[in-house]
Protein backbone atom coordinates (compact mmCIF):
# COMPACT_ATOMS: atom_id res chain seq x y z
CA MET A 1 41.30 54.80 9.25
CA SER A 2 38.87 56.20 11.80
CA ALA A 3 36.10 54.05 13.11
CA SER A 4 33.42 56.51 11.65
CA ARG A 5 34.91 56.61 8.37
CA HIS A 6 35.04 52.65 8.30
CA ILE A 7 31.50 52.28 9.42
CA GLY A 8 30.49 54.76 6.65
CA ARG A 9 32.17 52.74 3.96
CA LEU A 10 30.43 49.68 5.22
CA VAL A 11 27.10 51.36 5.15
CA PHE A 12 27.73 52.49 1.58
CA SER A 13 28.85 49.10 0.39
CA ALA A 14 25.78 47.56 1.98
CA CYS A 15 23.64 50.21 0.00
CA VAL A 16 25.40 49.37 -3.14
CA VAL A 17 24.81 45.50 -2.70
CA TRP A 18 21.19 46.11 -1.58
CA GLY A 19 20.45 48.39 -4.56
CA ALA A 20 22.12 46.06 -7.01
CA ALA A 21 20.15 43.20 -5.61
CA SER A 22 16.73 45.04 -5.58
CA SER A 23 17.17 46.08 -9.22
CA GLY A 24 18.09 42.69 -10.42
CA GLY A 25 21.76 43.32 -10.78
CA ILE A 26 22.72 40.42 -8.51
CA ALA A 27 20.88 37.20 -9.38
CA ALA A 28 19.63 34.86 -6.75
CA ALA A 29 20.90 31.22 -7.17
CA ALA A 30 18.50 29.13 -8.94
CA PRO A 31 16.73 26.68 -6.57
CA PHE A 32 17.50 23.07 -6.79
CA GLN A 33 14.39 21.43 -8.41
CA ILE A 34 12.99 18.30 -9.88
CA THR A 35 10.39 18.64 -12.71
CA SER A 36 8.77 16.29 -15.26
CA PRO A 37 7.48 16.57 -18.81
CA SER A 38 5.10 13.72 -18.01
CA PHE A 39 3.25 15.58 -15.37
CA LYS A 40 3.19 18.81 -13.75
CA ASP A 41 3.46 19.08 -9.87
CA GLY A 42 0.07 18.47 -8.08
CA THR A 43 -1.72 17.13 -11.23
CA VAL A 44 -2.95 13.68 -11.93
CA LEU A 45 -0.81 10.95 -13.44
CA ASP A 46 -1.85 9.53 -16.79
CA LYS A 47 -2.95 5.77 -16.33
CA LYS A 48 0.23 4.68 -18.44
CA TYR A 49 2.38 5.54 -15.29
CA VAL A 50 0.24 3.46 -13.05
CA GLY A 51 1.58 -0.04 -11.73
CA ASN A 52 0.87 -3.26 -13.74
CA ILE A 53 1.28 -6.06 -11.07
CA LYS A 54 -1.04 -8.81 -12.52
CA SER A 55 -1.57 -10.40 -9.24
CA ASN A 56 -2.89 -6.99 -7.70
CA PRO A 57 -6.32 -5.77 -9.08
CA ASN A 58 -5.43 -2.38 -7.92
CA CYS A 59 -2.64 -2.03 -10.55
CA VAL A 60 -4.53 -1.15 -13.60
CA GLY A 61 -1.79 0.69 -15.69
CA GLU A 62 1.21 0.00 -17.94
CA ASN A 63 4.06 0.80 -15.25
CA VAL A 64 5.84 3.23 -17.84
CA SER A 65 8.10 5.43 -15.28
CA PRO A 66 7.45 9.24 -16.02
CA ALA A 67 10.18 11.37 -17.27
CA LEU A 68 12.14 13.26 -14.67
CA SER A 69 14.64 15.99 -14.92
CA TRP A 70 16.38 18.07 -12.39
CA SER A 71 18.73 21.05 -12.19
CA ASN A 72 20.71 23.40 -9.89
CA PRO A 73 22.06 20.78 -7.44
CA PRO A 74 23.88 22.01 -4.35
CA PRO A 75 27.79 22.51 -5.15
CA ASP A 76 30.04 19.57 -4.54
CA THR A 77 27.09 17.02 -5.08
CA LYS A 78 28.57 13.82 -5.80
CA SER A 79 25.42 11.50 -6.09
CA PHE A 80 21.61 11.70 -6.13
CA ALA A 81 19.13 9.43 -4.42
CA LEU A 82 15.60 9.17 -5.46
CA MET A 83 12.40 7.62 -3.75
CA VAL A 84 8.89 7.61 -4.86
CA ILE A 85 6.52 7.38 -1.69
CA ASP A 86 2.75 7.21 -1.44
CA PRO A 87 2.11 8.49 2.10
CA GLU A 88 -1.46 7.38 2.02
CA GLY A 89 -0.75 3.71 1.22
CA ARG A 90 -0.29 1.11 3.83
CA ALA A 91 -0.55 2.89 7.19
CA PRO A 92 1.44 3.88 9.20
CA ALA A 93 4.60 4.60 6.95
CA GLY A 94 2.99 4.43 3.54
CA VAL A 95 4.34 2.61 0.36
CA ALA A 96 7.93 2.96 -1.16
CA HIS A 97 7.21 2.63 -4.74
CA TRP A 98 10.75 3.21 -5.77
CA VAL A 99 14.12 3.55 -3.74
CA ALA A 100 17.16 4.50 -5.87
CA TYR A 101 20.54 5.98 -5.08
CA GLY A 102 24.21 6.04 -6.40
CA ILE A 103 22.79 8.19 -9.39
CA PRO A 104 25.96 10.11 -10.49
CA ALA A 105 25.91 13.81 -10.07
CA SER A 106 26.39 13.91 -14.07
CA VAL A 107 22.99 12.39 -14.50
CA THR A 108 20.30 15.24 -14.87
CA GLY A 109 17.12 13.09 -15.46
CA PHE A 110 15.65 9.90 -16.74
CA ALA A 111 13.74 9.44 -19.90
CA GLU A 112 10.09 8.27 -19.88
CA GLY A 113 10.07 4.38 -19.35
CA GLU A 114 13.83 4.45 -18.34
CA VAL A 115 13.49 3.32 -14.89
CA SER A 116 10.59 0.84 -15.36
CA SER A 117 13.41 -1.75 -15.28
CA ALA A 118 17.07 -1.86 -14.09
CA SER A 119 19.42 0.77 -15.38
CA ASN A 120 23.29 1.43 -15.07
CA LYS A 121 22.30 5.04 -14.01
CA TYR A 122 21.30 4.08 -10.64
CA VAL A 123 21.63 1.59 -7.81
CA GLY A 124 18.44 -0.19 -7.09
CA GLY A 125 17.03 -0.27 -3.53
CA LYS A 126 14.24 -2.24 -2.23
CA SER A 127 10.68 -0.92 -2.38
CA THR A 128 7.69 -2.05 -0.51
CA MET A 129 7.00 -4.60 -3.18
CA SER A 130 10.80 -5.74 -2.97
CA LEU A 131 11.39 -4.42 -6.36
CA PRO A 132 14.70 -2.40 -7.37
CA ASN A 133 12.95 -0.30 -10.01
CA TYR A 134 10.03 1.97 -10.46
CA MET A 135 6.62 0.62 -9.85
CA GLY A 136 3.84 2.89 -10.30
CA PRO A 137 0.63 3.67 -8.14
CA CYS A 138 -1.62 0.72 -7.44
CA THR A 139 -4.40 2.71 -5.74
CA PRO A 140 -7.63 1.06 -4.50
CA PRO A 141 -10.67 2.31 -5.99
CA ASN A 142 -12.94 4.88 -4.22
CA VAL A 143 -10.42 6.00 -1.70
CA GLY A 144 -9.69 9.44 -3.42
CA PHE A 145 -6.43 10.67 -4.66
CA HIS A 146 -3.22 9.31 -3.22
CA HIS A 147 -0.14 11.65 -3.50
CA TYR A 148 2.93 10.01 -5.08
CA THR A 149 5.71 12.13 -3.96
CA PHE A 150 9.00 11.78 -5.89
CA ILE A 151 11.70 13.22 -3.51
CA LEU A 152 15.30 13.69 -5.00
CA MET A 153 18.21 14.29 -2.73
CA ALA A 154 21.56 15.61 -3.47
CA THR A 155 24.33 13.87 -1.60
CA ASP A 156 28.04 13.99 -0.81
CA LEU A 157 28.37 10.26 -1.17
CA GLU A 158 30.23 8.65 -4.16
CA PRO A 159 27.80 6.80 -6.40
CA THR A 160 29.55 3.46 -5.49
CA ALA A 161 29.24 4.25 -1.71
CA LEU A 162 25.99 2.19 -0.78
CA ALA A 163 25.40 -1.45 -1.47
CA PRO A 164 22.29 -2.40 -3.75
CA GLY A 165 19.06 -3.62 -2.12
CA MET A 166 18.59 -0.90 0.65
CA THR A 167 15.03 -0.36 1.82
CA ARG A 168 13.61 3.18 2.35
CA GLU A 169 14.43 2.89 6.07
CA GLU A 170 17.95 1.68 5.48
CA LEU A 171 18.70 4.37 2.81
CA THR A 172 17.37 7.18 5.24
CA GLN A 173 19.64 6.02 7.80
CA ALA A 174 22.66 5.84 5.59
CA LEU A 175 21.92 9.17 4.15
CA THR A 176 21.94 10.93 7.57
CA GLY A 177 24.39 13.68 7.53
CA HIS A 178 25.09 13.35 3.79
CA VAL A 179 22.38 15.06 2.19
CA LYS A 180 23.34 18.49 0.73
CA GLY A 181 19.65 19.42 -0.47
CA SER A 182 16.48 17.93 -1.66
CA THR A 183 13.46 18.60 -3.83
CA GLY A 184 10.10 16.97 -4.78
CA ILE A 185 7.21 16.78 -6.99
CA VAL A 186 3.93 15.25 -6.48
CA GLY A 187 1.69 13.23 -8.88
CA LEU A 188 -1.86 12.15 -7.95
CA PHE A 189 -3.71 9.22 -8.76
CA GLY A 190 -7.09 7.85 -7.73
CA ARG A 191 -9.86 5.96 -9.42
CA SER A 192 -13.59 4.77 -8.93
CA GLU A 193 -14.75 1.24 -9.32
């Protein structure tokens, strides 16, 4: 086949693919995403999702973990890791409200209240409060809204690969080179005196 004929076929094929894609004939892969029926991204969390540590006057809620669900993980995902971080809390690194990992790839979410205590669906890490499970916001009064960021990472690690009790920093180090994709959702919380 001559070079000009070969180039002509390539150009024709590219035009067919472009035409199909632009007319909706080829669907783009849906993005990896986390959502919650408990709150919409960027909106205020209900007080029931706020922490309830009795010795902390800033914890004024019920500590019910919000429902979370995720979809479209990257191919060959073996497990997920999930952290809830308040970047405005306790400078300079913020507060880790929950560190969880070893979530099997077959798990596609958590029901409301499911991770307020230990569960066999995840390996509990160690939050800033030294807890292995979800602890909701404990925002001080009159500081405006804090952004509680739920970060979900798809990994190539087996669910049993990491030992329980890892801090955010330890987990971040252990996941280096193993994250296939990540997604997040933000809930806000703030209160006046």
